Amino acid sequence: MPQEGVEIIDYLKNPLNKSELKALISKMDIQPSELIRKGETIWKENFKGKTMNEDDYLDAMAAYPKLIERPIVEAGDKALVCRPPELVLEFLG
């Protein structure tokens, strides 16, 4: 059960659009390419080996949300991929 004040967004069921992804990635202070799950079959079959810019990565994640690393925890103006799960406690401090 989530804590009060915590919102869980299942972005596999409710995908983020490109501008939402861009805002989230900005909070993480990373490049879009760093948020891609490159072990996914979708990646291997459709994108691996192709020359892509950071905008292309955003398009790929918007079209195929399964490519987004997870779980992501967002608090205020910061966000982080919290793997292993213990990072959540450290992140929320």
C-alpha atoms as a PDB file:
ATOM      1  CA  MET A   1       0.000   0.000   0.000  1.00  0.00           C
ATOM      2  CA  PRO A   2       1.518   3.354  -1.003  1.00  0.00           C
ATOM      3  CA  GLN A   3       2.266   5.997   1.610  1.00  0.00           C
ATOM      4  CA  GLU A   4      -0.048   8.977   1.919  1.00  0.00           C
ATOM      5  CA  GLY A   5       0.982  11.646  -0.549  1.00  0.00           C
ATOM      6  CA  VAL A   6       2.589   9.087  -2.860  1.00  0.00           C
ATOM      7  CA  GLU A   7       1.200   8.677  -6.346  1.00  0.00           C
ATOM      8  CA  ILE A   8       2.002   5.546  -8.317  1.00  0.00           C
ATOM      9  CA  ILE A   9       1.884   5.935 -12.082  1.00  0.00           C
ATOM     10  CA  ASP A  10       1.914   2.719 -14.053  1.00  0.00           C
ATOM     11  CA  TYR A  11       3.326   4.128 -17.274  1.00  0.00           C
ATOM     12  CA  LEU A  12       2.937   0.780 -19.016  1.00  0.00           C
ATOM     13  CA  LYS A  13      -0.848   1.271 -18.707  1.00  0.00           C
ATOM     14  CA  ASN A  14      -0.774   5.081 -18.889  1.00  0.00           C
ATOM     15  CA  PRO A  15       2.186   5.926 -21.139  1.00  0.00           C
ATOM     16  CA  LEU A  16       4.022   9.204 -20.780  1.00  0.00           C
ATOM     17  CA  ASN A  17       4.077  11.449 -23.818  1.00  0.00           C
ATOM     18  CA  LYS A  18       7.259  12.911 -25.198  1.00  0.00           C
ATOM     19  CA  SER A  19       7.031  16.196 -23.278  1.00  0.00           C
ATOM     20  CA  GLU A  20       6.312  14.353 -19.991  1.00  0.00           C
ATOM     21  CA  LEU A  21       9.326  12.128 -20.605  1.00  0.00           C
ATOM     22  CA  LYS A  22      11.489  15.139 -21.373  1.00  0.00           C
ATOM     23  CA  ALA A  23      10.432  16.858 -18.120  1.00  0.00           C
ATOM     24  CA  LEU A  24      11.047  13.704 -16.084  1.00  0.00           C
ATOM     25  CA  ILE A  25      14.466  13.123 -17.642  1.00  0.00           C
ATOM     26  CA  SER A  26      15.366  16.745 -16.944  1.00  0.00           C
ATOM     27  CA  LYS A  27      14.623  16.127 -13.244  1.00  0.00           C
ATOM     28  CA  MET A  28      16.927  13.113 -13.371  1.00  0.00           C
ATOM     29  CA  ASP A  29      19.782  15.142 -14.888  1.00  0.00           C
ATOM     30  CA  ILE A  30      20.521  12.424 -17.450  1.00  0.00           C
ATOM     31  CA  GLN A  31      20.253  12.001 -21.213  1.00  0.00           C
ATOM     32  CA  PRO A  32      17.256  10.126 -22.696  1.00  0.00           C
ATOM     33  CA  SER A  33      19.600   7.368 -23.909  1.00  0.00           C
ATOM     34  CA  GLU A  34      20.460   6.604 -20.271  1.00  0.00           C
ATOM     35  CA  LEU A  35      16.828   5.708 -19.483  1.00  0.00           C
ATOM     36  CA  ILE A  36      16.505   3.016 -22.168  1.00  0.00           C
ATOM     37  CA  ARG A  37      16.238  -0.658 -21.221  1.00  0.00           C
ATOM     38  CA  LYS A  38      18.567  -2.002 -23.902  1.00  0.00           C
ATOM     39  CA  GLY A  39      17.969  -5.637 -22.943  1.00  0.00           C
ATOM     40  CA  GLU A  40      14.324  -5.492 -24.035  1.00  0.00           C
ATOM     41  CA  THR A  41      13.318  -7.463 -27.114  1.00  0.00           C
ATOM     42  CA  ILE A  42      11.595  -4.350 -28.500  1.00  0.00           C
ATOM     43  CA  TRP A  43      14.937  -2.529 -28.360  1.00  0.00           C
ATOM     44  CA  LYS A  44      16.892  -5.370 -29.912  1.00  0.00           C
ATOM     45  CA  GLU A  45      14.409  -5.883 -32.758  1.00  0.00           C
ATOM     46  CA  ASN A  46      13.700  -2.241 -33.604  1.00  0.00           C
ATOM     47  CA  PHE A  47      16.545   0.015 -32.494  1.00  0.00           C
ATOM     48  CA  LYS A  48      19.781  -1.790 -31.656  1.00  0.00           C
ATOM     49  CA  GLY A  49      22.619  -0.772 -33.950  1.00  0.00           C
ATOM     50  CA  LYS A  50      20.766   2.230 -35.381  1.00  0.00           C
ATOM     51  CA  THR A  51      22.193   5.718 -35.189  1.00  0.00           C
ATOM     52  CA  MET A  52      19.901   7.670 -32.866  1.00  0.00           C
ATOM     53  CA  ASN A  53      19.948  11.134 -31.346  1.00  0.00           C
ATOM     54  CA  GLU A  54      18.459  11.964 -27.947  1.00  0.00           C
ATOM     55  CA  ASP A  55      15.161  13.032 -29.545  1.00  0.00           C
ATOM     56  CA  ASP A  56      14.933   9.606 -31.213  1.00  0.00           C
ATOM     57  CA  TYR A  57      15.267   7.965 -27.783  1.00  0.00           C
ATOM     58  CA  LEU A  58      12.363  10.061 -26.485  1.00  0.00           C
ATOM     59  CA  ASP A  59      10.256   9.007 -29.472  1.00  0.00           C
ATOM     60  CA  ALA A  60      11.116   5.340 -28.835  1.00  0.00           C
ATOM     61  CA  MET A  61      10.152   5.536 -25.138  1.00  0.00           C
ATOM     62  CA  ALA A  62       6.912   7.367 -25.932  1.00  0.00           C
ATOM     63  CA  ALA A  63       5.993   4.718 -28.510  1.00  0.00           C
ATOM     64  CA  TYR A  64       7.217   1.751 -26.436  1.00  0.00           C
ATOM     65  CA  PRO A  65       6.948   2.542 -22.695  1.00  0.00           C
ATOM     66  CA  LYS A  66       8.372  -0.880 -21.860  1.00  0.00           C
ATOM     67  CA  LEU A  67      11.756   0.552 -22.885  1.00  0.00           C
ATOM     68  CA  ILE A  68      11.768   2.961 -19.902  1.00  0.00           C
ATOM     69  CA  GLU A  69      13.925   1.950 -16.937  1.00  0.00           C
ATOM     70  CA  ARG A  70      11.892   1.507 -13.768  1.00  0.00           C
ATOM     71  CA  PRO A  71      10.925   2.174 -11.074  1.00  0.00           C
ATOM     72  CA  ILE A  72      11.348   5.918 -11.184  1.00  0.00           C
ATOM     73  CA  VAL A  73      10.736   7.961  -8.060  1.00  0.00           C
ATOM     74  CA  GLU A  74       9.996  11.642  -8.455  1.00  0.00           C
ATOM     75  CA  ALA A  75       9.968  14.163  -5.610  1.00  0.00           C
ATOM     76  CA  GLY A  76       9.761  17.880  -6.276  1.00  0.00           C
ATOM     77  CA  ASP A  77      12.348  18.882  -8.836  1.00  0.00           C
ATOM     78  CA  LYS A  78      14.326  15.624  -8.647  1.00  0.00           C
ATOM     79  CA  ALA A  79      13.757  12.083  -9.960  1.00  0.00           C
ATOM     80  CA  LEU A  80      15.781   8.869  -9.874  1.00  0.00           C
ATOM     81  CA  VAL A  81      15.643   5.295 -11.147  1.00  0.00           C
ATOM     82  CA  CYS A  82      15.447   3.510  -7.810  1.00  0.00           C
ATOM     83  CA  ARG A  83      17.056   0.185  -8.463  1.00  0.00           C
ATOM     84  CA  PRO A  84      17.753  -1.521  -6.137  1.00  0.00           C
ATOM     85  CA  PRO A  85      14.567  -0.604  -4.205  1.00  0.00           C
ATOM     86  CA  GLU A  86      16.588   0.514  -1.176  1.00  0.00           C
ATOM     87  CA  LEU A  87      17.486   3.642  -3.147  1.00  0.00           C
ATOM     88  CA  VAL A  88      13.923   4.908  -2.596  1.00  0.00           C
ATOM     89  CA  LEU A  89      14.545   5.418   1.128  1.00  0.00           C
ATOM     90  CA  GLU A  90      17.885   7.086   0.451  1.00  0.00           C
ATOM     91  CA  PHE A  91      16.388   9.285  -2.260  1.00  0.00           C
ATOM     92  CA  LEU A  92      13.450  10.405  -0.117  1.00  0.00           C
ATOM     93  CA  GLY A  93      15.862  10.730   2.807  1.00  0.00           C
END
